[in-house]
Protein backbone atom coordinates (compact mmCIF):
# COMPACT_ATOMS: atom_id res chain seq x y z
CA MET A 1 -22.20 -4.43 -21.81
CA ALA A 2 -23.40 -7.61 -20.80
CA PRO A 3 -23.18 -11.17 -22.90
CA ASP A 4 -27.13 -10.83 -23.60
CA GLU A 5 -26.68 -7.00 -25.01
CA PHE A 6 -23.16 -8.44 -26.75
CA GLN A 7 -25.73 -11.34 -28.40
CA GLN A 8 -28.42 -9.28 -29.65
CA ALA A 9 -26.10 -6.93 -31.53
CA TRP A 10 -24.21 -9.79 -33.10
CA GLN A 11 -27.38 -10.85 -34.63
CA SER A 12 -28.27 -7.70 -35.25
CA PRO A 13 -25.99 -6.42 -38.26
CA ALA A 14 -27.38 -2.45 -38.61
CA SER A 15 -25.57 -2.47 -34.13
CA GLN A 16 -22.38 -3.66 -35.09
CA THR A 17 -20.97 0.12 -35.05
CA ARG A 18 -22.89 0.83 -32.06
CA VAL A 19 -20.78 -2.11 -30.23
CA THR A 20 -17.86 -1.07 -32.01
CA ILE A 21 -18.37 2.56 -29.97
CA HIS A 22 -19.55 0.93 -26.06
CA THR A 23 -16.51 -0.90 -26.50
CA ASP A 24 -13.97 1.96 -27.79
CA ALA A 25 -15.80 4.12 -25.04
CA LEU A 26 -15.32 0.81 -21.91
CA ARG A 27 -12.13 0.69 -23.43
CA SER A 28 -10.92 4.22 -22.85
CA GLU A 29 -13.40 4.09 -19.74
CA VAL A 30 -10.86 1.37 -18.02
CA LEU A 31 -7.52 2.99 -19.34
CA ARG A 32 -8.83 6.06 -18.09
CA ASN A 33 -9.59 4.53 -14.57
CA GLN A 34 -6.54 2.41 -14.78
CA GLN A 35 -3.89 5.58 -15.11
CA ASN A 36 -5.87 6.74 -11.33
CA PHE A 37 -5.20 3.70 -10.08
CA ASN A 38 -1.72 3.66 -11.23
CA HIS A 39 -0.61 7.93 -10.54
CA MET A 40 -2.18 6.77 -6.28
CA ILE A 41 -0.17 4.22 -5.80
CA TRP A 42 2.73 6.35 -7.71
CA ALA A 43 2.20 9.60 -5.31
CA ARG A 44 1.73 7.02 -2.59
CA ASP A 45 5.38 5.56 -3.12
CA VAL A 46 7.57 8.34 -4.11
CA ARG A 47 5.47 10.50 -1.10
CA GLU A 48 6.94 6.78 1.47
CA ILE A 49 9.53 6.49 -0.16
CA GLY A 50 10.20 10.37 -0.17
CA VAL A 51 10.08 9.95 3.94
CA ALA A 52 11.84 6.99 4.87
CA LEU A 53 14.83 8.38 3.01
CA LEU A 54 14.75 11.98 4.05
CA LEU A 55 13.82 11.16 8.41
CA ILE A 56 17.11 9.07 8.02
CA PRO A 57 19.99 12.34 8.15
CA VAL A 58 17.25 13.81 11.17
CA TRP A 59 17.38 10.71 13.28
CA PHE A 60 21.56 10.59 12.95
CA VAL A 61 21.15 15.09 13.70
CA MET A 62 18.38 14.35 16.46
CA GLY A 63 20.71 11.24 18.14
CA HIS A 64 24.26 13.59 18.51
CA PHE A 65 22.27 17.00 19.36
CA MET A 66 19.97 15.06 21.42
CA LYS A 67 23.41 12.20 23.21
CA LEU A 68 20.44 9.59 22.31
CA PRO A 69 20.92 6.13 23.71
CA TRP A 70 22.19 3.47 20.62
CA SER A 71 18.86 2.46 20.44
CA TRP A 72 17.98 4.92 18.84
CA TYR A 73 20.20 4.02 15.81
CA LEU A 74 18.12 0.62 14.85
CA MET A 75 15.66 2.83 13.27
CA VAL A 76 18.03 3.75 10.31
CA PRO A 77 18.39 0.29 9.03
CA SER A 78 14.00 -0.27 9.07
CA LEU A 79 14.17 3.64 6.79
CA LEU A 80 16.30 1.53 4.43
CA GLY A 81 14.73 -1.54 4.25
CA VAL A 82 11.18 0.03 4.03
CA ALA A 83 12.38 2.36 1.58
CA GLY A 84 14.56 0.09 -0.17
CA PHE A 85 11.08 -3.14 -0.16
CA MET A 86 8.93 -0.68 -1.46
CA LEU A 87 11.97 0.21 -4.63
CA LEU A 88 11.63 -3.60 -4.61
CA ASP A 89 8.03 -4.33 -5.30
CA ARG A 90 7.90 -1.48 -8.09
CA ARG A 91 10.35 -2.92 -10.09
CA ARG A 92 9.45 -6.55 -9.18
CA HIS A 93 5.47 -4.97 -9.55
CA PRO A 94 5.57 -2.56 -12.25
CA GLN A 95 2.30 0.45 -11.92
CA ASN A 96 2.49 0.04 -16.35
CA PRO A 97 0.03 0.96 -18.11
CA SER A 98 -1.72 -0.96 -20.17
CA PRO A 99 0.28 -1.87 -23.91
CA PRO A 100 -0.48 0.85 -27.05
CA GLY A 101 -3.29 -1.43 -29.14
CA ALA A 102 -3.55 -3.70 -26.28
CA SER A 103 -8.09 -5.42 -26.22
CA LEU A 104 -10.04 -5.02 -23.96
CA VAL A 105 -9.82 -8.11 -22.17
CA GLN A 106 -6.09 -7.27 -21.87
CA SER A 107 -6.62 -4.01 -20.10
CA VAL A 108 -9.37 -4.58 -17.84
CA GLU A 109 -6.75 -8.44 -16.97
CA VAL A 110 -4.44 -5.36 -16.02
CA SER A 111 -5.93 -3.19 -14.15
CA LEU A 112 -7.15 -6.41 -11.68
CA ARG A 113 -3.38 -7.47 -11.24
CA GLN A 114 -2.54 -4.25 -10.13
CA VAL A 115 -5.35 -4.06 -7.34
CA GLU A 116 -4.53 -7.87 -6.88
CA HIS A 117 -0.81 -6.63 -6.07
CA GLN A 118 -2.62 -3.44 -3.45
CA ILE A 119 -4.16 -5.28 -1.76
CA TRP A 120 -1.72 -8.03 -0.77
CA LEU A 121 0.45 -5.34 -0.14
CA LEU A 122 -2.32 -3.64 2.71
CA ARG A 123 -3.30 -7.25 3.67
CA ASN A 124 0.71 -8.05 4.86
CA VAL A 125 1.03 -4.65 6.15
CA VAL A 126 2.55 -5.34 9.53
CA TRP A 127 5.60 -7.65 7.87
CA TRP A 128 6.66 -5.56 6.12
CA TYR A 129 5.95 -1.48 6.69
CA LEU A 130 4.52 -1.86 10.53
CA LEU A 131 7.08 -4.57 12.29
CA PRO A 132 10.33 -3.03 11.61
CA PHE A 133 9.51 0.16 12.53
CA ALA A 134 7.28 -0.92 16.09
CA VAL A 135 10.90 -3.23 16.83
CA PRO A 136 13.34 -0.41 17.24
CA MET A 137 10.70 1.88 18.30
CA VAL A 138 9.84 -0.81 21.58
CA ILE A 139 13.61 -1.09 21.64
CA PHE A 140 15.06 2.36 22.23
CA PHE A 141 11.17 2.69 24.92
CA VAL A 142 13.20 -0.67 26.96
CA ASN A 143 16.62 0.82 26.77
CA VAL A 144 15.00 4.62 27.72
CA SER A 145 13.51 2.83 30.43
CA TRP A 146 16.14 0.28 31.87
CA ASP A 147 19.00 3.91 32.26
CA PHE A 148 16.64 5.81 34.03
CA SER A 149 15.37 3.18 36.58
CA VAL A 150 19.60 2.54 36.78
CA ARG A 151 20.27 6.44 37.64
CA THR A 152 16.89 6.47 39.51
CA GLY A 153 16.94 3.45 41.10
CA GLN A 154 12.80 3.51 40.47
CA ILE A 155 12.09 0.46 39.17
CA TRP A 156 8.32 1.04 38.80
CA ALA A 157 8.18 4.42 37.38
CA ALA A 158 9.80 2.47 34.79
CA VAL A 159 8.09 -0.36 34.66
CA ILE A 160 5.12 2.44 34.01
CA PHE A 161 5.84 4.49 32.01
CA LEU A 162 7.53 1.25 29.51
CA LEU A 163 4.28 0.39 29.72
CA PHE A 164 1.95 3.96 28.54
CA LEU A 165 4.94 3.68 25.72
CA VAL A 166 4.42 0.36 24.73
CA THR A 167 0.62 0.67 24.50
CA PHE A 168 0.90 3.67 22.73
CA VAL A 169 3.23 2.67 19.92
CA LEU A 170 0.34 -0.15 19.99
CA ALA A 171 -2.56 1.34 19.42
CA ILE A 172 -0.70 4.05 17.37
CA TYR A 173 -0.06 1.04 14.49
CA GLY A 174 -3.10 -0.20 15.33
CA PHE A 175 -5.40 2.90 13.59
CA ILE A 176 -2.43 2.20 11.02
CA TYR A 177 -3.98 -1.11 10.11
CA TRP A 178 -7.65 -0.71 10.91
CA ILE A 179 -6.91 2.30 8.15
CA ASN A 180 -5.37 0.01 5.67
CA GLN A 181 -7.24 -2.70 6.23
CA ARG A 182 -10.12 -0.35 6.20
CA ALA A 183 -9.16 0.57 1.83
CA VAL A 184 -8.93 -2.80 1.01
CA ARG A 185 -12.96 -3.55 2.40
CA MET A 186 -14.37 -0.57 1.25
CA VAL A 187 -11.85 0.99 -1.98
CA LEU A 188 -9.85 -2.30 -3.27
CA GLU A 189 -12.71 -5.37 -3.13
CA PRO A 190 -14.76 -2.78 -4.69
CA ARG A 191 -12.78 -2.21 -7.18
CA ARG A 192 -11.67 -6.00 -7.66
CA ARG A 193 -15.10 -7.49 -8.22
CA GLU A 194 -15.52 -5.03 -10.65
CA LEU A 195 -13.03 -5.49 -12.07
CA LEU A 196 -13.49 -9.84 -11.87
CA ALA A 197 -17.45 -9.11 -13.32
CA LEU A 198 -16.46 -7.74 -16.24
CA LEU A 199 -14.29 -9.11 -17.02
CA ALA A 200 -16.27 -12.56 -16.59
CA SER A 201 -19.20 -10.41 -18.95
CA LEU A 202 -16.55 -9.61 -21.85
CA ASN A 203 -15.38 -14.02 -22.15
CA GLY A 204 -18.71 -14.76 -21.95
CA SER A 205 -19.25 -16.23 -18.58
């Protein structure tokens, strides 16, 4: 409801009940959207953390049976680091619903803080997600290419192979980064603007 509608409702005693209904309905809609958003973030976190932890024993088994070099195991600290970061971030910024009895303004403010934090996470996804995985992968590719050149003496073949692998990784991670930034532009930023506009209307500014 816009500020002028609130003013008209205030000036008309007969419409006070209608204002309460509209406010309650709007609060219910905000809470429903908040719950859906929290569920989406929770499902994403469970999936990402679960996959990272599941890959750790898989990584050791693959390294053992395929007799891979030491650089293969550098991915394990990265998996632990990303999972740990997400757990810590969720602890510091819990996606809790609005407390019982919270006003409409308070509910909108909670939703706005949650959306803004997710925007921050996705805008910085390179540092806490992509880079920790890309660095050990590139080191592993360099290690494998170096061993290949030492065994065969084919230095240029090893260099070409290394450049191909690094380019492939950069392309994949560039695509992942683009997807995340697109989600910010297409989903999170519009939601943030809607919440800001709603909050401004409720505060009468």
